[in-house]
PDB file of N, CA and C in Angstrom:
ATOM      1  N   SER A   1     161.081  44.551  21.730  1.00  0.00           N
ATOM      2  CA  SER A   1     160.070  45.357  20.951  1.00  0.00           C
ATOM      3  C   SER A   1     158.855  44.469  20.590  1.00  0.00           C
ATOM      4  N   ARG A   2     158.978  43.173  20.697  1.00  0.00           N
ATOM      5  CA  ARG A   2     157.798  42.344  20.409  1.00  0.00           C
ATOM      6  C   ARG A   2     157.287  41.612  21.608  1.00  0.00           C
ATOM      7  N   GLY A   3     157.194  42.323  22.733  1.00  0.00           N
ATOM      8  CA  GLY A   3     156.488  41.830  23.825  1.00  0.00           C
ATOM      9  C   GLY A   3     157.459  41.300  24.915  1.00  0.00           C
ATOM     10  N   ALA A   4     158.700  41.299  24.626  1.00  0.00           N
ATOM     11  CA  ALA A   4     159.665  40.787  25.649  1.00  0.00           C
ATOM     12  C   ALA A   4     159.641  41.617  26.945  1.00  0.00           C
ATOM     13  N   THR A   5     159.707  41.032  28.141  1.00  0.00           N
ATOM     14  CA  THR A   5     159.764  41.807  29.307  1.00  0.00           C
ATOM     15  C   THR A   5     161.076  42.234  29.708  1.00  0.00           C
ATOM     16  N   PHE A   6     162.067  41.499  29.175  1.00  0.00           N
ATOM     17  CA  PHE A   6     163.456  41.742  29.503  1.00  0.00           C
ATOM     18  C   PHE A   6     164.424  41.190  28.389  1.00  0.00           C
ATOM     19  N   CYS A   7     165.435  41.860  28.168  1.00  0.00           N
ATOM     20  CA  CYS A   7     166.485  41.407  27.167  1.00  0.00           C
ATOM     21  C   CYS A   7     167.886  41.663  27.723  1.00  0.00           C
ATOM     22  N   LEU A   8     168.648  40.589  27.680  1.00  0.00           N
ATOM     23  CA  LEU A   8     170.057  40.600  28.060  1.00  0.00           C
ATOM     24  C   LEU A   8     170.870  40.534  26.746  1.00  0.00           C
ATOM     25  N   LEU A   9     171.704  41.409  26.465  1.00  0.00           N
ATOM     26  CA  LEU A   9     172.464  41.465  25.272  1.00  0.00           C
ATOM     27  C   LEU A   9     173.960  41.233  25.608  1.00  0.00           C
ATOM     28  N   VAL A  10     174.634  40.257  25.027  1.00  0.00           N
ATOM     29  CA  VAL A  10     176.011  39.933  25.451  1.00  0.00           C
ATOM     30  C   VAL A  10     176.885  40.163  24.204  1.00  0.00           C
ATOM     31  N   ASP A  11     177.928  40.900  24.437  1.00  0.00           N
ATOM     32  CA  ASP A  11     179.003  41.054  23.416  1.00  0.00           C
ATOM     33  C   ASP A  11     180.359  41.499  24.052  1.00  0.00           C
ATOM     34  N   ASP A  12     181.402  41.003  23.481  1.00  0.00           N
ATOM     35  CA  ASP A  12     182.720  41.312  24.030  1.00  0.00           C
ATOM     36  C   ASP A  12     183.419  42.422  23.300  1.00  0.00           C
ATOM     37  N   SER A  13     182.736  43.033  22.326  1.00  0.00           N
ATOM     38  CA  SER A  13     183.295  44.029  21.577  1.00  0.00           C
ATOM     39  C   SER A  13     182.744  45.417  22.008  1.00  0.00           C
ATOM     40  N   ALA A  14     183.728  46.332  22.365  1.00  0.00           N
ATOM     41  CA  ALA A  14     183.400  47.669  22.899  1.00  0.00           C
ATOM     42  C   ALA A  14     182.556  48.432  21.866  1.00  0.00           C
ATOM     43  N   THR A  15     182.808  48.301  20.495  1.00  0.00           N
ATOM     44  CA  THR A  15     182.274  48.987  19.551  1.00  0.00           C
ATOM     45  C   THR A  15     180.729  48.484  19.473  1.00  0.00           C
ATOM     46  N   ALA A  16     180.525  47.150  19.486  1.00  0.00           N
ATOM     47  CA  ALA A  16     179.197  46.601  19.449  1.00  0.00           C
ATOM     48  C   ALA A  16     178.424  47.038  20.597  1.00  0.00           C
ATOM     49  N   ARG A  17     179.038  46.937  21.760  1.00  0.00           N
ATOM     50  CA  ARG A  17     178.234  47.443  22.942  1.00  0.00           C
ATOM     51  C   ARG A  17     177.798  48.877  22.928  1.00  0.00           C
ATOM     52  N   GLY A  18     178.706  49.738  22.408  1.00  0.00           N
ATOM     53  CA  GLY A  18     178.318  51.027  22.186  1.00  0.00           C
ATOM     54  C   GLY A  18     177.107  51.226  21.299  1.00  0.00           C
ATOM     55  N   LEU A  19     177.122  50.538  20.127  1.00  0.00           N
ATOM     56  CA  LEU A  19     176.035  50.592  19.246  1.00  0.00           C
ATOM     57  C   LEU A  19     174.716  50.050  19.861  1.00  0.00           C
ATOM     58  N   ILE A  20     174.898  49.042  20.571  1.00  0.00           N
ATOM     59  CA  ILE A  20     173.727  48.399  21.266  1.00  0.00           C
ATOM     60  C   ILE A  20     173.143  49.425  22.286  1.00  0.00           C
ATOM     61  N   ARG A  21     173.915  50.043  23.119  1.00  0.00           N
ATOM     62  CA  ARG A  21     173.491  51.089  24.025  1.00  0.00           C
ATOM     63  C   ARG A  21     172.812  52.216  23.255  1.00  0.00           C
ATOM     64  N   ARG A  22     173.293  52.586  22.220  1.00  0.00           N
ATOM     65  CA  ARG A  22     172.681  53.713  21.404  1.00  0.00           C
ATOM     66  C   ARG A  22     171.249  53.290  20.967  1.00  0.00           C
ATOM     67  N   ASN A  23     171.102  52.108  20.457  1.00  0.00           N
ATOM     68  CA  ASN A  23     169.870  51.552  20.118  1.00  0.00           C
ATOM     69  C   ASN A  23     168.897  51.472  21.227  1.00  0.00           C
ATOM     70  N   ILE A  24     169.367  51.007  22.412  1.00  0.00           N
ATOM     71  CA  ILE A  24     168.554  50.961  23.626  1.00  0.00           C
ATOM     72  C   ILE A  24     168.027  52.240  23.975  1.00  0.00           C
ATOM     73  N   ASP A  25     168.869  53.367  23.937  1.00  0.00           N
ATOM     74  CA  ASP A  25     168.446  54.680  24.176  1.00  0.00           C
ATOM     75  C   ASP A  25     167.491  55.140  23.165  1.00  0.00           C
ATOM     76  N   ALA A  26     167.633  54.903  21.935  1.00  0.00           N
ATOM     77  CA  ALA A  26     166.768  55.366  20.829  1.00  0.00           C
ATOM     78  C   ALA A  26     165.397  54.808  20.965  1.00  0.00           C
ATOM     79  N   PHE A  27     165.288  53.540  21.421  1.00  0.00           N
ATOM     80  CA  PHE A  27     164.059  52.890  21.481  1.00  0.00           C
ATOM     81  C   PHE A  27     163.410  53.018  22.934  1.00  0.00           C
ATOM     82  N   GLY A  28     164.100  53.652  23.908  1.00  0.00           N
ATOM     83  CA  GLY A  28     163.520  53.944  25.181  1.00  0.00           C
ATOM     84  C   GLY A  28     163.437  52.611  25.965  1.00  0.00           C
ATOM     85  N   LEU A  29     164.424  51.796  25.791  1.00  0.00           N
ATOM     86  CA  LEU A  29     164.424  50.432  26.463  1.00  0.00           C
ATOM     87  C   LEU A  29     165.268  50.395  27.702  1.00  0.00           C
ATOM     88  N   THR A  30     165.802  51.531  28.171  1.00  0.00           N
ATOM     89  CA  THR A  30     166.614  51.421  29.403  1.00  0.00           C
ATOM     90  C   THR A  30     165.756  50.958  30.553  1.00  0.00           C
ATOM     91  N   GLY A  31     166.320  50.071  31.293  1.00  0.00           N
ATOM     92  CA  GLY A  31     165.474  49.514  32.469  1.00  0.00           C
ATOM     93  C   GLY A  31     164.891  48.138  32.150  1.00  0.00           C
ATOM     94  N   VAL A  32     164.735  47.817  30.907  1.00  0.00           N
ATOM     95  CA  VAL A  32     164.280  46.374  30.556  1.00  0.00           C
ATOM     96  C   VAL A  32     165.385  45.680  29.735  1.00  0.00           C
ATOM     97  N   THR A  33     166.551  46.230  29.801  1.00  0.00           N
ATOM     98  CA  THR A  33     167.653  45.568  29.055  1.00  0.00           C
ATOM     99  C   THR A  33     168.885  45.700  30.007  1.00  0.00           C
ATOM    100  N   LYS A  34     169.807  44.772  29.742  1.00  0.00           N
ATOM    101  CA  LYS A  34     171.204  44.810  30.314  1.00  0.00           C
ATOM    102  C   LYS A  34     172.124  44.481  29.151  1.00  0.00           C
ATOM    103  N   VAL A  35     173.227  45.136  29.140  1.00  0.00           N
ATOM    104  CA  VAL A  35     174.280  44.854  28.223  1.00  0.00           C
ATOM    105  C   VAL A  35     175.579  44.365  29.029  1.00  0.00           C
ATOM    106  N   TRP A  36     175.942  43.066  28.625  1.00  0.00           N
ATOM    107  CA  TRP A  36     177.079  42.427  29.348  1.00  0.00           C
ATOM    108  C   TRP A  36     178.289  42.457  28.405  1.00  0.00           C
ATOM    109  N   ARG A  37     179.433  42.770  28.982  1.00  0.00           N
ATOM    110  CA  ARG A  37     180.715  42.606  28.291  1.00  0.00           C
ATOM    111  C   ARG A  37     181.157  41.141  28.662  1.00  0.00           C
ATOM    112  N   ARG A  38     180.932  40.256  27.793  1.00  0.00           N
ATOM    113  CA  ARG A  38     181.240  38.916  28.036  1.00  0.00           C
ATOM    114  C   ARG A  38     181.250  38.131  26.651  1.00  0.00           C
ATOM    115  N   ASP A  39     182.127  36.986  26.680  1.00  0.00           N
ATOM    116  CA  ASP A  39     182.146  36.209  25.514  1.00  0.00           C
ATOM    117  C   ASP A  39     181.071  35.207  25.597  1.00  0.00           C
ATOM    118  N   ALA A  40     180.171  35.102  24.606  1.00  0.00           N
ATOM    119  CA  ALA A  40     178.953  34.412  24.617  1.00  0.00           C
ATOM    120  C   ALA A  40     179.308  32.892  24.605  1.00  0.00           C
ATOM    121  N   THR A  41     180.459  32.561  24.215  1.00  0.00           N
ATOM    122  CA  THR A  41     180.894  31.170  24.162  1.00  0.00           C
ATOM    123  C   THR A  41     181.397  30.648  25.563  1.00  0.00           C
ATOM    124  N   ASP A  42     181.480  31.616  26.527  1.00  0.00           N
ATOM    125  CA  ASP A  42     181.971  31.336  27.895  1.00  0.00           C
ATOM    126  C   ASP A  42     181.168  32.108  28.834  1.00  0.00           C
ATOM    127  N   LEU A  43     179.902  31.842  28.926  1.00  0.00           N
ATOM    128  CA  LEU A  43     178.926  32.580  29.750  1.00  0.00           C
ATOM    129  C   LEU A  43     179.019  32.297  31.279  1.00  0.00           C
ATOM    130  N   GLY A  44     179.441  31.004  31.585  1.00  0.00           N
ATOM    131  CA  GLY A  44     179.440  30.538  32.943  1.00  0.00           C
ATOM    132  C   GLY A  44     177.962  30.355  33.430  1.00  0.00           C
ATOM    133  N   ASP A  45     177.770  30.205  34.751  1.00  0.00           N
ATOM    134  CA  ASP A  45     176.437  29.811  35.192  1.00  0.00           C
ATOM    135  C   ASP A  45     175.555  31.046  35.226  1.00  0.00           C
ATOM    136  N   ALA A  46     174.264  30.821  35.033  1.00  0.00           N
ATOM    137  CA  ALA A  46     173.244  31.980  35.121  1.00  0.00           C
ATOM    138  C   ALA A  46     173.091  32.438  36.520  1.00  0.00           C
ATOM    139  N   THR A  47     173.327  31.591  37.538  1.00  0.00           N
ATOM    140  CA  THR A  47     173.330  31.958  38.973  1.00  0.00           C
ATOM    141  C   THR A  47     171.971  32.716  39.265  1.00  0.00           C
ATOM    142  N   THR A  48     172.097  33.962  39.374  1.00  0.00           N
ATOM    143  CA  THR A  48     170.999  34.787  39.891  1.00  0.00           C
ATOM    144  C   THR A  48     170.043  35.247  38.704  1.00  0.00           C
ATOM    145  N   MET A  49     170.459  34.970  37.604  1.00  0.00           N
ATOM    146  CA  MET A  49     169.486  35.321  36.431  1.00  0.00           C
ATOM    147  C   MET A  49     168.454  34.266  36.210  1.00  0.00           C
ATOM    148  N   ALA A  50     167.283  34.693  35.875  1.00  0.00           N
ATOM    149  CA  ALA A  50     166.212  33.710  35.526  1.00  0.00           C
ATOM    150  C   ALA A  50     166.519  33.170  34.092  1.00  0.00           C
ATOM    151  N   PRO A  51     166.264  31.896  33.948  1.00  0.00           N
ATOM    152  CA  PRO A  51     166.438  31.336  32.659  1.00  0.00           C
ATOM    153  C   PRO A  51     165.688  31.977  31.580  1.00  0.00           C
ATOM    154  N   CYS A  52     166.174  32.043  30.354  1.00  0.00           N
ATOM    155  CA  CYS A  52     165.520  32.670  29.237  1.00  0.00           C
ATOM    156  C   CYS A  52     164.719  31.662  28.508  1.00  0.00           C
ATOM    157  N   ASP A  53     163.629  32.163  27.769  1.00  0.00           N
ATOM    158  CA  ASP A  53     162.812  31.325  26.949  1.00  0.00           C
ATOM    159  C   ASP A  53     163.062  31.495  25.422  1.00  0.00           C
ATOM    160  N   VAL A  54     163.903  32.500  25.084  1.00  0.00           N
ATOM    161  CA  VAL A  54     164.317  32.870  23.815  1.00  0.00           C
ATOM    162  C   VAL A  54     165.744  33.259  23.810  1.00  0.00           C
ATOM    163  N   ALA A  55     166.631  32.759  22.872  1.00  0.00           N
ATOM    164  CA  ALA A  55     167.941  33.222  22.636  1.00  0.00           C
ATOM    165  C   ALA A  55     168.123  33.474  21.150  1.00  0.00           C
ATOM    166  N   ILE A  56     168.778  34.538  20.828  1.00  0.00           N
ATOM    167  CA  ILE A  56     168.975  34.824  19.478  1.00  0.00           C
ATOM    168  C   ILE A  56     170.524  34.979  19.347  1.00  0.00           C
ATOM    169  N   LEU A  57     171.167  34.227  18.507  1.00  0.00           N
ATOM    170  CA  LEU A  57     172.604  34.236  18.328  1.00  0.00           C
ATOM    171  C   LEU A  57     172.947  34.647  16.963  1.00  0.00           C
ATOM    172  N   ASP A  58     173.917  35.656  16.893  1.00  0.00           N
ATOM    173  CA  ASP A  58     174.331  36.201  15.572  1.00  0.00           C
ATOM    174  C   ASP A  58     175.901  36.427  15.716  1.00  0.00           C
ATOM    175  N   PRO A  59     176.674  35.351  15.799  1.00  0.00           N
ATOM    176  CA  PRO A  59     178.010  35.518  16.017  1.00  0.00           C
ATOM    177  C   PRO A  59     178.701  35.775  14.658  1.00  0.00           C
ATOM    178  N   PRO A  60     179.976  36.172  14.683  1.00  0.00           N
ATOM    179  CA  PRO A  60     180.754  36.169  13.411  1.00  0.00           C
ATOM    180  C   PRO A  60     180.660  34.755  12.731  1.00  0.00           C
ATOM    181  N   TYR A  61     180.410  34.866  11.382  1.00  0.00           N
ATOM    182  CA  TYR A  61     180.134  33.770  10.603  1.00  0.00           C
ATOM    183  C   TYR A  61     181.442  32.860  10.407  1.00  0.00           C
ATOM    184  N   GLY A  62     181.093  31.508  10.270  1.00  0.00           N
ATOM    185  CA  GLY A  62     182.185  30.593   9.763  1.00  0.00           C
ATOM    186  C   GLY A  62     183.200  30.145  10.841  1.00  0.00           C
ATOM    187  N   ARG A  63     182.964  30.517  12.084  1.00  0.00           N
ATOM    188  CA  ARG A  63     184.005  30.283  13.045  1.00  0.00           C
ATOM    189  C   ARG A  63     183.497  29.149  14.203  1.00  0.00           C
ATOM    190  N   GLY A  64     182.318  28.661  14.030  1.00  0.00           N
ATOM    191  CA  GLY A  64     181.778  27.708  15.001  1.00  0.00           C
ATOM    192  C   GLY A  64     181.324  28.328  16.344  1.00  0.00           C
ATOM    193  N   LEU A  65     181.300  29.666  16.371  1.00  0.00           N
ATOM    194  CA  LEU A  65     181.028  30.307  17.648  1.00  0.00           C
ATOM    195  C   LEU A  65     179.637  30.194  18.030  1.00  0.00           C
ATOM    196  N   GLY A  66     178.624  30.000  17.139  1.00  0.00           N
ATOM    197  CA  GLY A  66     177.340  29.779  17.431  1.00  0.00           C
ATOM    198  C   GLY A  66     177.015  28.427  18.121  1.00  0.00           C
ATOM    199  N   GLU A  67     177.697  27.499  17.713  1.00  0.00           N
ATOM    200  CA  GLU A  67     177.463  26.090  18.382  1.00  0.00           C
ATOM    201  C   GLU A  67     178.077  26.251  19.811  1.00  0.00           C
ATOM    202  N   ASN A  68     179.242  26.852  19.862  1.00  0.00           N
ATOM    203  CA  ASN A  68     179.876  27.058  21.303  1.00  0.00           C
ATOM    204  C   ASN A  68     179.005  27.878  22.122  1.00  0.00           C
ATOM    205  N   ALA A  69     178.306  28.820  21.691  1.00  0.00           N
ATOM    206  CA  ALA A  69     177.473  29.699  22.483  1.00  0.00           C
ATOM    207  C   ALA A  69     176.185  28.887  22.877  1.00  0.00           C
ATOM    208  N   LEU A  70     175.722  28.134  21.935  1.00  0.00           N
ATOM    209  CA  LEU A  70     174.546  27.185  22.307  1.00  0.00           C
ATOM    210  C   LEU A  70     175.024  26.258  23.500  1.00  0.00           C
ATOM    211  N   ALA A  71     176.193  25.666  23.397  1.00  0.00           N
ATOM    212  CA  ALA A  71     176.654  24.801  24.473  1.00  0.00           C
ATOM    213  C   ALA A  71     176.747  25.592  25.794  1.00  0.00           C
ATOM    214  N   ALA A  72     177.234  26.766  25.724  1.00  0.00           N
ATOM    215  CA  ALA A  72     177.406  27.586  26.919  1.00  0.00           C
ATOM    216  C   ALA A  72     176.042  27.887  27.629  1.00  0.00           C
ATOM    217  N   LEU A  73     175.086  28.261  26.726  1.00  0.00           N
ATOM    218  CA  LEU A  73     173.702  28.459  27.236  1.00  0.00           C
ATOM    219  C   LEU A  73     173.160  27.238  27.962  1.00  0.00           C
ATOM    220  N   ALA A  74     173.328  26.005  27.333  1.00  0.00           N
ATOM    221  CA  ALA A  74     172.729  24.791  27.963  1.00  0.00           C
ATOM    222  C   ALA A  74     173.478  24.489  29.141  1.00  0.00           C
ATOM    223  N   GLY A  75     174.814  24.490  29.149  1.00  0.00           N
ATOM    224  CA  GLY A  75     175.657  24.098  30.304  1.00  0.00           C
ATOM    225  C   GLY A  75     175.600  25.077  31.519  1.00  0.00           C
ATOM    226  N   GLY A  76     175.301  26.235  31.239  1.00  0.00           N
ATOM    227  CA  GLY A  76     175.116  27.269  32.387  1.00  0.00           C
ATOM    228  C   GLY A  76     173.834  27.498  32.891  1.00  0.00           C
ATOM    229  N   GLY A  77     172.769  26.768  32.513  1.00  0.00           N
ATOM    230  CA  GLY A  77     171.495  26.915  33.070  1.00  0.00           C
ATOM    231  C   GLY A  77     170.778  28.283  32.586  1.00  0.00           C
ATOM    232  N   TRP A  78     171.147  28.686  31.431  1.00  0.00           N
ATOM    233  CA  TRP A  78     170.588  29.969  30.874  1.00  0.00           C
ATOM    234  C   TRP A  78     169.191  29.826  30.173  1.00  0.00           C
ATOM    235  N   LEU A  79     168.738  28.561  29.902  1.00  0.00           N
ATOM    236  CA  LEU A  79     167.608  28.320  29.172  1.00  0.00           C
ATOM    237  C   LEU A  79     166.577  27.504  29.953  1.00  0.00           C
ATOM    238  N   VAL A  80     165.312  27.826  29.758  1.00  0.00           N
ATOM    239  CA  VAL A  80     164.207  26.972  30.240  1.00  0.00           C
ATOM    240  C   VAL A  80     164.020  25.838  29.357  1.00  0.00           C
ATOM    241  N   PRO A  81     163.523  24.688  29.845  1.00  0.00           N
ATOM    242  CA  PRO A  81     163.193  23.654  28.866  1.00  0.00           C
ATOM    243  C   PRO A  81     162.202  24.159  27.765  1.00  0.00           C
ATOM    244  N   ALA A  82     162.518  23.709  26.554  1.00  0.00           N
ATOM    245  CA  ALA A  82     161.722  24.138  25.347  1.00  0.00           C
ATOM    246  C   ALA A  82     161.934  25.579  24.840  1.00  0.00           C
ATOM    247  N   ALA A  83     162.968  26.181  25.372  1.00  0.00           N
ATOM    248  CA  ALA A  83     163.316  27.501  24.956  1.00  0.00           C
ATOM    249  C   ALA A  83     163.641  27.581  23.434  1.00  0.00           C
ATOM    250  N   LEU A  84     163.262  28.548  22.738  1.00  0.00           N
ATOM    251  CA  LEU A  84     163.500  28.715  21.315  1.00  0.00           C
ATOM    252  C   LEU A  84     164.819  29.443  21.174  1.00  0.00           C
ATOM    253  N   CYS A  85     165.648  28.949  20.390  1.00  0.00           N
ATOM    254  CA  CYS A  85     166.913  29.557  19.976  1.00  0.00           C
ATOM    255  C   CYS A  85     167.038  29.626  18.389  1.00  0.00           C
ATOM    256  N   VAL A  86     167.523  30.932  18.075  1.00  0.00           N
ATOM    257  CA  VAL A  86     167.768  31.136  16.613  1.00  0.00           C
ATOM    258  C   VAL A  86     169.239  31.404  16.512  1.00  0.00           C
ATOM    259  N   LEU A  87     169.864  30.613  15.592  1.00  0.00           N
ATOM    260  CA  LEU A  87     171.223  30.850  15.354  1.00  0.00           C
ATOM    261  C   LEU A  87     171.327  31.229  13.837  1.00  0.00           C
ATOM    262  N   GLU A  88     171.989  32.382  13.638  1.00  0.00           N
ATOM    263  CA  GLU A  88     172.291  32.919  12.384  1.00  0.00           C
ATOM    264  C   GLU A  88     173.694  32.651  11.897  1.00  0.00           C
ATOM    265  N   GLU A  89     173.898  32.164  10.596  1.00  0.00           N
ATOM    266  CA  GLU A  89     175.161  31.799  10.180  1.00  0.00           C
ATOM    267  C   GLU A  89     175.151  32.025   8.592  1.00  0.00           C
ATOM    268  N   ARG A  90     176.361  32.009   8.000  1.00  0.00           N
ATOM    269  CA  ARG A  90     176.419  32.187   6.533  1.00  0.00           C
ATOM    270  C   ARG A  90     175.812  31.063   5.862  1.00  0.00           C
ATOM    271  N   LYS A  91     175.092  31.281   4.834  1.00  0.00           N
ATOM    272  CA  LYS A  91     174.410  30.221   3.999  1.00  0.00           C
ATOM    273  C   LYS A  91     175.611  29.259   3.542  1.00  0.00           C
ATOM    274  N   GLY A  92     175.201  27.929   3.631  1.00  0.00           N
ATOM    275  CA  GLY A  92     176.111  26.827   3.190  1.00  0.00           C
ATOM    276  C   GLY A  92     177.030  26.348   4.179  1.00  0.00           C
ATOM    277  N   VAL A  93     177.186  27.012   5.364  1.00  0.00           N
ATOM    278  CA  VAL A  93     178.072  26.628   6.443  1.00  0.00           C
ATOM    279  C   VAL A  93     177.307  25.606   7.194  1.00  0.00           C
ATOM    280  N   ALA A  94     177.953  24.346   7.361  1.00  0.00           N
ATOM    281  CA  ALA A  94     177.355  23.321   8.165  1.00  0.00           C
ATOM    282  C   ALA A  94     177.339  23.657   9.583  1.00  0.00           C
ATOM    283  N   ILE A  95     176.226  23.428  10.278  1.00  0.00           N
ATOM    284  CA  ILE A  95     176.148  23.739  11.744  1.00  0.00           C
ATOM    285  C   ILE A  95     176.011  22.448  12.517  1.00  0.00           C
ATOM    286  N   ASP A  96     176.909  22.299  13.470  1.00  0.00           N
ATOM    287  CA  ASP A  96     176.963  21.111  14.310  1.00  0.00           C
ATOM    288  C   ASP A  96     176.130  21.376  15.558  1.00  0.00           C
ATOM    289  N   VAL A  97     174.876  21.065  15.433  1.00  0.00           N
ATOM    290  CA  VAL A  97     173.911  21.387  16.449  1.00  0.00           C
ATOM    291  C   VAL A  97     174.202  20.505  17.738  1.00  0.00           C
ATOM    292  N   PRO A  98     174.451  21.115  18.857  1.00  0.00           N
ATOM    293  CA  PRO A  98     174.637  20.352  20.076  1.00  0.00           C
ATOM    294  C   PRO A  98     173.434  19.375  20.323  1.00  0.00           C
ATOM    295  N   GLU A  99     173.687  18.317  20.974  1.00  0.00           N
ATOM    296  CA  GLU A  99     172.693  17.246  21.214  1.00  0.00           C
ATOM    297  C   GLU A  99     171.567  17.680  22.030  1.00  0.00           C
ATOM    298  N   ARG A 100     171.772  18.680  22.887  1.00  0.00           N
ATOM    299  CA  ARG A 100     170.610  19.081  23.755  1.00  0.00           C
ATOM    300  C   ARG A 100     169.614  19.990  23.049  1.00  0.00           C
ATOM    301  N   TYR A 101     169.678  20.108  21.770  1.00  0.00           N
ATOM    302  CA  TYR A 101     168.892  20.936  20.893  1.00  0.00           C
ATOM    303  C   TYR A 101     168.186  20.036  19.715  1.00  0.00           C
ATOM    304  N   ASP A 102     166.932  20.381  19.426  1.00  0.00           N
ATOM    305  CA  ASP A 102     166.370  19.817  18.185  1.00  0.00           C
ATOM    306  C   ASP A 102     166.106  20.954  17.180  1.00  0.00           C
ATOM    307  N   VAL A 103     166.371  20.680  15.971  1.00  0.00           N
ATOM    308  CA  VAL A 103     166.143  21.657  14.935  1.00  0.00           C
ATOM    309  C   VAL A 103     164.730  21.589  14.550  1.00  0.00           C
ATOM    310  N   VAL A 104     164.166  22.888  14.690  1.00  0.00           N
ATOM    311  CA  VAL A 104     162.765  22.986  14.421  1.00  0.00           C
ATOM    312  C   VAL A 104     162.487  23.436  12.944  1.00  0.00           C
ATOM    313  N   ASP A 105     163.368  24.396  12.349  1.00  0.00           N
ATOM    314  CA  ASP A 105     163.195  24.829  11.082  1.00  0.00           C
ATOM    315  C   ASP A 105     164.513  25.474  10.665  1.00  0.00           C
ATOM    316  N   GLN A 106     164.671  25.764   9.439  1.00  0.00           N
ATOM    317  CA  GLN A 106     165.863  26.433   8.891  1.00  0.00           C
ATOM    318  C   GLN A 106     165.329  27.326   7.733  1.00  0.00           C
ATOM    319  N   ARG A 107     165.733  28.544   7.752  1.00  0.00           N
ATOM    320  CA  ARG A 107     165.413  29.429   6.662  1.00  0.00           C
ATOM    321  C   ARG A 107     166.626  30.171   6.080  1.00  0.00           C
ATOM    322  N   VAL A 108     166.630  30.404   4.770  1.00  0.00           N
ATOM    323  CA  VAL A 108     167.747  31.017   4.063  1.00  0.00           C
ATOM    324  C   VAL A 108     167.255  32.294   3.315  1.00  0.00           C
ATOM    325  N   TRP A 109     168.011  33.279   3.467  1.00  0.00           N
ATOM    326  CA  TRP A 109     167.674  34.413   2.567  1.00  0.00           C
ATOM    327  C   TRP A 109     169.069  35.135   2.276  1.00  0.00           C
ATOM    328  N   GLY A 110     169.227  35.454   0.953  1.00  0.00           N
ATOM    329  CA  GLY A 110     170.465  36.007   0.511  1.00  0.00           C
ATOM    330  C   GLY A 110     171.611  35.051   0.889  1.00  0.00           C
ATOM    331  N   ASP A 111     172.577  35.525   1.549  1.00  0.00           N
ATOM    332  CA  ASP A 111     173.782  34.705   1.881  1.00  0.00           C
ATOM    333  C   ASP A 111     173.757  34.272   3.395  1.00  0.00           C
ATOM    334  N   THR A 112     172.581  34.267   3.945  1.00  0.00           N
ATOM    335  CA  THR A 112     172.411  34.075   5.452  1.00  0.00           C
ATOM    336  C   THR A 112     171.415  32.877   5.657  1.00  0.00           C
ATOM    337  N   GLN A 113     171.736  32.130   6.635  1.00  0.00           N
ATOM    338  CA  GLN A 113     170.760  31.035   7.099  1.00  0.00           C
ATOM    339  C   GLN A 113     170.438  31.237   8.502  1.00  0.00           C
ATOM    340  N   ALA A 114     169.265  30.903   8.906  1.00  0.00           N
ATOM    341  CA  ALA A 114     168.869  30.893  10.404  1.00  0.00           C
ATOM    342  C   ALA A 114     168.294  29.518  10.669  1.00  0.00           C
ATOM    343  N   VAL A 115     168.877  28.929  11.723  1.00  0.00           N
ATOM    344  CA  VAL A 115     168.447  27.740  12.173  1.00  0.00           C
ATOM    345  C   VAL A 115     167.677  27.932  13.503  1.00  0.00           C
ATOM    346  N   LEU A 116     166.435  27.517  13.491  1.00  0.00           N
ATOM    347  CA  LEU A 116     165.582  27.688  14.720  1.00  0.00           C
ATOM    348  C   LEU A 116     165.687  26.323  15.520  1.00  0.00           C
ATOM    349  N   LEU A 117     166.008  26.477  16.683  1.00  0.00           N
ATOM    350  CA  LEU A 117     166.242  25.215  17.562  1.00  0.00           C
ATOM    351  C   LEU A 117     165.381  25.230  18.860  1.00  0.00           C
ATOM    352  N   ARG A 118     165.083  24.151  19.314  1.00  0.00           N
ATOM    353  CA  ARG A 118     164.329  24.011  20.599  1.00  0.00           C
ATOM    354  C   ARG A 118     165.252  23.322  21.636  1.00  0.00           C
ATOM    355  N   PHE A 119     165.394  23.914  22.814  1.00  0.00           N
ATOM    356  CA  PHE A 119     166.244  23.291  23.834  1.00  0.00           C
ATOM    357  C   PHE A 119     165.483  22.228  24.496  1.00  0.00           C
ATOM    358  N   LYS A 120     166.115  21.086  24.543  1.00  0.00           N
ATOM    359  CA  LYS A 120     165.489  19.846  25.177  1.00  0.00           C
ATOM    360  C   LYS A 120     165.454  19.973  26.732  1.00  0.00           C
ATOM    361  N   GLY A 121     166.323  20.745  27.320  1.00  0.00           N
ATOM    362  CA  GLY A 121     166.300  20.802  28.700  1.00  0.00           C
ATOM    363  C   GLY A 121     167.424  19.879  29.272  1.00  0.00           C
ATOM    364  N   ALA A 122     167.352  19.643  30.508  1.00  0.00           N
ATOM    365  CA  ALA A 122     168.384  18.832  31.271  1.00  0.00           C
ATOM    366  C   ALA A 122     168.341  17.311  30.810  1.00  0.00           C
TER     367      ALA A 122
END
């Protein structure tokens, strides 16, 4: 909705994918989105997908899933060098940022923190 030409949404929950599809329909974004049933911590190789320049991660809090998803993005060729990544987590939870990322900023609101990261590339 903010100028993206394409959006890939990944979730392994059937309920979440149903809500995502409903929102895609409501906003008229069919054709510029894909919804994948996949575990974001085990994405595999991007292969035929073009690498992304933005990744937004909002996993269940407090389980280290965000860090694992960041590692999967980096290891599978999913990101262009200097891609911006945003990881959302519960406020106060320490985030072990993978070494292929630099922390750009961190924001807190309510009980949530968002860490903005820049992917270093290969």
